[in-house]
């Protein structure tokens, strides 16, 4: 049985003159995927050594230098894990240019859940089975301060968040930290690591999407939040400002975010505490549901005599959790 059932394939792409050529594929590749990879390597992000793309239900991880690119395709999203794996394969390939060695390492990763190489006397290893994505949420709070609650709210309520940075690698690293604010949201449902055109958003009712096109801020029908990583600013679309009106619940979360930064707790404890508070919010919401149907109606919310902002927040959260009877 495979230890890592998420791996699909890996590929080597070389730039020879003005042409990109796939020089090795294992185990196979479709013609459509071949054309897609050839159009992205070396051209999409010349300054980024590593980046991730999404095509339908496949995650494409690319590590590259000026003339060589190594691509791993998986049906699972974990940028840190596959970056580490891709770097090991690339190091091995650059050492002797023998793709057969890469097949052995790839199979090690697939069958045993890990692989390792010796490089300049140092052992470099990657544990694919138990790899934990590293995040920098506290750095996020340091950049955005109390407004980090807007990112949290957008994810919790399944809204549309568009994140801009002209450095693709930095963009995607920050996006993984943003996504980790609400860990109960599944990345495969919302995470679009890079969009080339606004039409890439079609078919998604909510998302956390990355772009290197700053002009998309002018198309506020595409987002509820626009995050500019360079300016360290978050813009709310005029169309959805009411969604982000603060309630006591959000203020408590916002205070926790800022206080956690000040007390300098470790990232792991930070996530545990934040996840606990998120779960408590969801439990509170479900206590309002009708015992027979497990659904919440507008009348249920109104009977609680809540203030308008809180009623609106809980309604939107109920819609996100699919437990509101409309």
Protein backbone atom coordinates (compact mmCIF):
# COMPACT_ATOMS: atom_id res chain seq x y z
CA UNK A 1 0.00 0.00 0.00
CA UNK A 2 1.25 3.48 -0.85
CA UNK A 3 2.27 5.62 2.10
CA UNK A 4 1.64 8.81 0.15
CA UNK A 5 -1.40 8.28 -2.04
CA UNK A 6 -1.56 11.99 -2.92
CA UNK A 7 1.41 11.94 -5.32
CA UNK A 8 0.42 11.66 -8.97
CA UNK A 9 3.57 12.31 -11.03
CA UNK A 10 6.76 14.30 -11.44
CA UNK A 11 8.31 15.92 -14.50
CA UNK A 12 11.54 17.57 -15.62
CA UNK A 13 11.34 20.64 -17.85
CA UNK A 14 14.40 22.19 -19.46
CA UNK A 15 14.79 25.46 -21.28
CA UNK A 16 16.88 24.89 -24.39
CA UNK A 17 17.35 28.06 -26.40
CA UNK A 18 13.93 29.66 -26.69
CA UNK A 19 11.99 26.44 -26.18
CA UNK A 20 10.77 24.59 -23.10
CA UNK A 21 11.01 20.82 -23.38
CA UNK A 22 9.80 18.12 -20.99
CA UNK A 23 12.79 15.80 -20.82
CA UNK A 24 11.43 13.27 -18.30
CA UNK A 25 8.07 12.19 -17.00
CA UNK A 26 7.13 9.61 -14.39
CA UNK A 27 4.86 7.74 -14.54
CA UNK A 28 2.90 9.55 -17.29
CA UNK A 29 1.42 12.87 -18.38
CA UNK A 30 -1.55 13.93 -20.50
CA UNK A 31 -1.06 16.10 -23.56
CA UNK A 32 -3.16 18.83 -21.96
CA UNK A 33 -1.01 18.87 -18.81
CA UNK A 34 2.17 18.78 -20.90
CA UNK A 35 1.11 21.92 -22.78
CA UNK A 36 0.10 23.60 -19.54
CA UNK A 37 3.45 22.95 -17.83
CA UNK A 38 5.44 24.09 -20.85
CA UNK A 39 3.55 27.38 -20.84
CA UNK A 40 4.17 28.06 -17.13
CA UNK A 41 7.75 27.04 -16.34
CA UNK A 42 10.33 29.84 -16.63
CA UNK A 43 7.73 32.35 -17.85
CA UNK A 44 5.18 32.64 -15.07
CA UNK A 45 7.50 33.78 -12.31
CA UNK A 46 11.10 34.47 -13.27
CA UNK A 47 12.05 35.66 -9.79
CA UNK A 48 10.44 32.84 -7.79
CA UNK A 49 12.34 29.60 -7.24
CA UNK A 50 9.20 27.83 -6.05
CA UNK A 51 5.50 28.30 -6.69
CA UNK A 52 2.24 26.38 -6.74
CA UNK A 53 -0.55 26.28 -9.31
CA UNK A 54 -3.97 24.72 -9.26
CA UNK A 55 -5.58 23.08 -12.26
CA UNK A 56 -9.01 21.62 -11.56
CA UNK A 57 -8.40 19.16 -8.70
CA UNK A 58 -4.64 18.91 -9.16
CA UNK A 59 -1.97 20.88 -7.30
CA UNK A 60 1.15 21.62 -9.33
CA UNK A 61 4.38 22.41 -7.46
CA UNK A 62 7.27 23.91 -9.41
CA UNK A 63 10.84 24.47 -8.28
CA UNK A 64 13.08 26.04 -10.90
CA UNK A 65 16.33 27.79 -11.73
CA UNK A 66 17.28 29.54 -14.97
CA UNK A 67 17.20 26.44 -17.16
CA UNK A 68 15.81 23.52 -15.14
CA UNK A 69 12.41 23.03 -13.57
CA UNK A 70 11.13 20.12 -11.53
CA UNK A 71 7.36 19.71 -11.28
CA UNK A 72 5.43 17.57 -8.81
CA UNK A 73 1.71 16.98 -9.33
CA UNK A 74 -0.46 15.94 -6.40
CA UNK A 75 -4.11 15.89 -5.44
CA UNK A 76 -3.27 17.40 -2.04
CA UNK A 77 -2.42 20.97 -1.04
CA UNK A 78 0.60 21.42 1.20
CA UNK A 79 3.09 23.93 -0.17
CA UNK A 80 5.74 23.36 2.48
CA UNK A 81 5.75 19.59 2.12
CA UNK A 82 6.03 19.51 -1.64
CA UNK A 83 8.53 22.35 -1.72
CA UNK A 84 10.82 20.30 0.53
CA UNK A 85 10.28 17.19 -1.60
CA UNK A 86 10.84 19.07 -4.88
CA UNK A 87 14.04 20.65 -3.57
CA UNK A 88 15.47 17.22 -2.70
CA UNK A 89 14.66 15.89 -6.16
CA UNK A 90 16.12 19.00 -7.79
CA UNK A 91 19.34 18.83 -5.76
CA UNK A 92 19.78 15.20 -6.75
CA UNK A 93 19.12 15.94 -10.40
CA UNK A 94 21.53 18.88 -10.61
CA UNK A 95 24.26 16.75 -9.08
CA UNK A 96 24.42 14.12 -11.83
CA UNK A 97 21.58 14.87 -14.29
CA UNK A 98 20.34 11.29 -13.98
CA UNK A 99 16.51 11.18 -13.90
CA UNK A 100 16.54 7.49 -12.92
CA UNK A 101 17.83 8.55 -9.49
CA UNK A 102 14.78 10.79 -9.18
CA UNK A 103 12.46 7.88 -9.86
CA UNK A 104 14.02 6.03 -6.93
CA UNK A 105 13.57 9.03 -4.62
CA UNK A 106 10.02 9.58 -5.88
CA UNK A 107 9.13 5.96 -5.19
CA UNK A 108 10.70 6.21 -1.74
CA UNK A 109 8.44 9.18 -1.03
CA UNK A 110 5.42 7.40 -2.44
CA UNK A 111 5.97 4.01 -0.81
CA UNK A 112 7.58 4.84 2.52
CA UNK A 113 6.44 8.43 3.02
CA UNK A 114 9.90 9.96 3.05
CA UNK A 115 13.24 10.29 1.28
CA UNK A 116 16.73 11.61 1.92
CA UNK A 117 19.97 12.45 0.11
CA UNK A 118 23.55 13.30 0.99
CA UNK A 119 24.57 16.75 -0.21
CA UNK A 120 28.07 18.08 0.50
CA UNK A 121 28.33 15.76 3.48
CA UNK A 122 24.97 16.82 4.92
CA UNK A 123 21.91 14.59 5.20
CA UNK A 124 18.83 16.28 3.75
CA UNK A 125 15.55 14.49 4.38
CA UNK A 126 11.84 15.01 3.91
CA UNK A 127 9.08 13.25 5.86
CA UNK A 128 6.04 13.35 3.60
CA UNK A 129 3.88 11.26 5.89
CA UNK A 130 3.97 13.53 8.95
CA UNK A 131 4.91 16.88 7.45
CA UNK A 132 3.33 19.93 9.09
CA UNK A 133 2.83 23.09 7.07
CA UNK A 134 4.79 25.93 8.65
CA UNK A 135 2.86 29.18 9.02
CA UNK A 136 3.65 32.68 10.24
CA UNK A 137 0.35 33.94 11.59
CA UNK A 138 1.98 36.14 14.19
CA UNK A 139 3.94 37.86 11.43
CA UNK A 140 0.60 38.36 9.70
CA UNK A 141 -0.82 40.02 12.83
CA UNK A 142 2.30 42.15 13.10
CA UNK A 143 1.70 43.40 9.54
CA UNK A 144 -2.05 43.97 9.71
CA UNK A 145 -2.68 44.47 13.41
CA UNK A 146 -6.29 44.51 14.55
CA UNK A 147 -7.44 44.33 10.90
CA UNK A 148 -6.32 40.69 10.79
CA UNK A 149 -9.83 40.01 12.08
CA UNK A 150 -11.11 40.93 8.61
CA UNK A 151 -9.14 38.04 7.12
CA UNK A 152 -10.45 35.71 9.81
CA UNK A 153 -14.04 36.83 9.24
CA UNK A 154 -13.79 36.44 5.48
CA UNK A 155 -12.59 32.84 5.82
CA UNK A 156 -15.07 31.96 8.54
CA UNK A 157 -18.02 33.32 6.55
CA UNK A 158 -16.74 31.84 3.27
CA UNK A 159 -16.35 35.17 1.51
CA UNK A 160 -14.14 36.11 -1.44
CA UNK A 161 -10.61 37.20 -0.51
CA UNK A 162 -8.15 38.35 -3.17
CA UNK A 163 -4.50 38.72 -2.12
CA UNK A 164 -1.98 40.75 -4.13
CA UNK A 165 1.82 40.68 -4.20
CA UNK A 166 4.20 40.96 -7.17
CA UNK A 167 6.44 38.24 -5.69
CA UNK A 168 4.64 34.94 -6.34
CA UNK A 169 6.63 32.90 -3.83
CA UNK A 170 6.08 35.44 -1.06
CA UNK A 171 2.42 35.75 -2.04
CA UNK A 172 1.75 32.05 -1.62
CA UNK A 173 3.70 31.80 1.63
CA UNK A 174 1.56 34.57 3.13
CA UNK A 175 -1.62 33.01 1.78
CA UNK A 176 -0.93 29.75 3.60
CA UNK A 177 -0.67 31.72 6.84
CA UNK A 178 -3.94 33.51 6.07
CA UNK A 179 -5.66 30.18 5.32
CA UNK A 180 -4.50 28.76 8.66
CA UNK A 181 -6.49 31.40 10.58
CA UNK A 182 -9.58 29.22 10.15
CA UNK A 183 -8.30 25.66 9.95
CA UNK A 184 -11.77 24.12 9.66
CA UNK A 185 -12.03 25.46 6.12
CA UNK A 186 -10.80 22.96 3.54
CA UNK A 187 -8.12 24.30 1.19
CA UNK A 188 -9.44 22.29 -1.74
CA UNK A 189 -12.73 24.19 -1.44
CA UNK A 190 -11.31 27.71 -1.42
CA UNK A 191 -7.58 27.99 -2.10
CA UNK A 192 -6.54 29.34 -5.50
CA UNK A 193 -2.79 29.90 -5.17
CA UNK A 194 -2.50 31.94 -8.36
CA UNK A 195 -4.95 33.38 -10.87
CA UNK A 196 -3.69 34.77 -14.17
CA UNK A 197 -7.01 36.25 -15.17
CA UNK A 198 -10.14 37.19 -13.29
CA UNK A 199 -12.02 34.59 -15.35
CA UNK A 200 -10.13 31.95 -13.31
CA UNK A 201 -12.51 32.81 -10.45
CA UNK A 202 -15.61 31.71 -12.35
CA UNK A 203 -17.42 28.83 -10.73
CA UNK A 204 -16.23 29.66 -7.19
CA UNK A 205 -18.68 31.25 -4.77
CA UNK A 206 -15.96 31.83 -2.17
CA UNK A 207 -12.19 31.72 -2.30
CA UNK A 208 -8.79 32.77 -1.05
CA UNK A 209 -7.09 33.65 -4.32
CA UNK A 210 -3.64 35.01 -5.11
CA UNK A 211 -2.75 37.48 -7.85
CA UNK A 212 0.26 39.45 -9.06
CA UNK A 213 -2.04 41.92 -10.84
CA UNK A 214 -2.55 44.99 -8.66
CA UNK A 215 -5.15 46.45 -11.04
CA UNK A 216 -7.71 43.83 -9.95
CA UNK A 217 -8.48 46.08 -6.98
CA UNK A 218 -10.52 48.15 -9.45
CA UNK A 219 -12.80 45.16 -10.11
CA UNK A 220 -14.52 45.12 -6.75
CA UNK A 221 -17.21 42.76 -8.04
CA UNK A 222 -14.54 40.06 -7.82
CA UNK A 223 -13.85 40.29 -4.09
CA UNK A 224 -15.17 41.10 -0.66
CA UNK A 225 -11.66 41.74 0.66
CA UNK A 226 -8.61 42.86 -1.32
CA UNK A 227 -5.33 42.38 0.53
CA UNK A 228 -2.28 44.35 -0.61
CA UNK A 229 0.74 42.67 0.96
CA UNK A 230 3.11 45.45 -0.12
CA UNK A 231 1.10 48.23 1.45
CA UNK A 232 0.01 46.01 4.34
CA UNK A 233 -3.55 47.19 3.77
CA UNK A 234 -6.92 45.47 3.51
CA UNK A 235 -9.68 46.97 1.39
CA UNK A 236 -13.35 46.06 1.83
CA UNK A 237 -15.60 46.09 -1.21
CA UNK A 238 -18.39 48.65 -0.92
CA UNK A 239 -20.82 45.93 -1.95
CA UNK A 240 -20.21 43.83 1.16
CA UNK A 241 -19.26 46.28 3.92
CA UNK A 242 -22.18 45.18 6.10
CA UNK A 243 -20.75 41.64 6.23
CA UNK A 244 -17.68 42.93 8.08
CA UNK A 245 -19.42 45.01 10.75
CA UNK A 246 -17.81 44.04 14.04
CA UNK A 247 -19.59 42.10 16.78
CA UNK A 248 -18.50 41.20 20.28
CA UNK A 249 -17.50 37.76 19.00
CA UNK A 250 -15.11 39.21 16.42
CA UNK A 251 -13.77 41.82 18.82
CA UNK A 252 -12.84 39.04 21.25
CA UNK A 253 -10.99 37.20 18.48
CA UNK A 254 -9.28 40.41 17.39
CA UNK A 255 -8.11 41.11 20.93
CA UNK A 256 -6.80 37.56 21.21
CA UNK A 257 -4.79 37.97 17.98
CA UNK A 258 -3.13 41.15 19.19
CA UNK A 259 -2.52 39.89 22.73
CA UNK A 260 -1.04 36.63 21.42
CA UNK A 261 1.47 38.66 19.45
CA UNK A 262 2.39 40.71 22.50
CA UNK A 263 2.85 37.65 24.72
CA UNK A 264 4.88 35.93 21.98
CA UNK A 265 3.34 32.48 22.38
CA UNK A 266 4.62 29.85 19.97
CA UNK A 267 2.86 29.33 16.63
CA UNK A 268 1.54 25.90 17.62
CA UNK A 269 -0.10 27.16 20.83
CA UNK A 270 -1.44 30.14 18.94
CA UNK A 271 -3.26 27.85 16.49
CA UNK A 272 -4.59 25.62 19.26
CA UNK A 273 -6.09 28.58 21.11
CA UNK A 274 -7.52 30.14 17.96
CA UNK A 275 -9.04 26.85 16.78
CA UNK A 276 -10.64 26.40 20.20
CA UNK A 277 -12.28 29.82 19.99
CA UNK A 278 -13.48 29.14 16.45
CA UNK A 279 -15.01 25.83 17.53
CA UNK A 280 -16.78 27.58 20.40
CA UNK A 281 -18.31 30.07 17.95
CA UNK A 282 -19.59 27.23 15.77
CA UNK A 283 -20.98 25.37 18.80
CA UNK A 284 -22.81 28.51 19.93
CA UNK A 285 -24.34 28.83 16.47
CA UNK A 286 -25.56 25.23 16.45
CA UNK A 287 -27.25 25.58 19.83
CA UNK A 288 -29.67 27.95 18.11
CA UNK A 289 -30.77 25.29 15.64
CA UNK A 290 -34.16 23.63 15.78
CA UNK A 291 -33.82 20.28 17.55
CA UNK A 292 -35.92 18.51 14.94
CA UNK A 293 -34.33 19.83 11.76
CA UNK A 294 -30.91 20.96 13.04
CA UNK A 295 -31.47 24.06 10.95
CA UNK A 296 -31.68 27.72 11.92
CA UNK A 297 -34.37 30.06 10.65
CA UNK A 298 -34.38 33.84 10.59
CA UNK A 299 -37.13 33.71 13.22
CA UNK A 300 -34.83 31.66 15.47
CA UNK A 301 -32.23 34.41 15.32
CA UNK A 302 -34.74 37.22 15.82
CA UNK A 303 -36.18 35.49 18.89
CA UNK A 304 -32.79 35.90 20.61
CA UNK A 305 -33.16 39.71 20.53
CA UNK A 306 -29.61 40.13 19.28
CA UNK A 307 -28.23 43.42 18.05
CA UNK A 308 -28.31 43.87 14.28
CA UNK A 309 -24.60 43.24 13.67
CA UNK A 310 -24.54 40.02 15.68
CA UNK A 311 -27.73 38.74 14.08
CA UNK A 312 -26.28 39.47 10.65
CA UNK A 313 -22.98 37.77 11.53
CA UNK A 314 -24.66 34.60 12.84
CA UNK A 315 -26.96 34.47 9.84
CA UNK A 316 -24.01 34.68 7.43
CA UNK A 317 -22.12 32.07 9.46
CA UNK A 318 -25.16 29.80 9.34
CA UNK A 319 -25.28 30.17 5.57
CA UNK A 320 -21.56 29.33 5.38
CA UNK A 321 -22.17 26.22 7.51
CA UNK A 322 -25.23 25.31 5.43
CA UNK A 323 -27.54 25.17 8.45
CA UNK A 324 -29.83 28.12 7.66
CA UNK A 325 -33.32 27.44 6.37
CA UNK A 326 -34.02 30.19 3.83
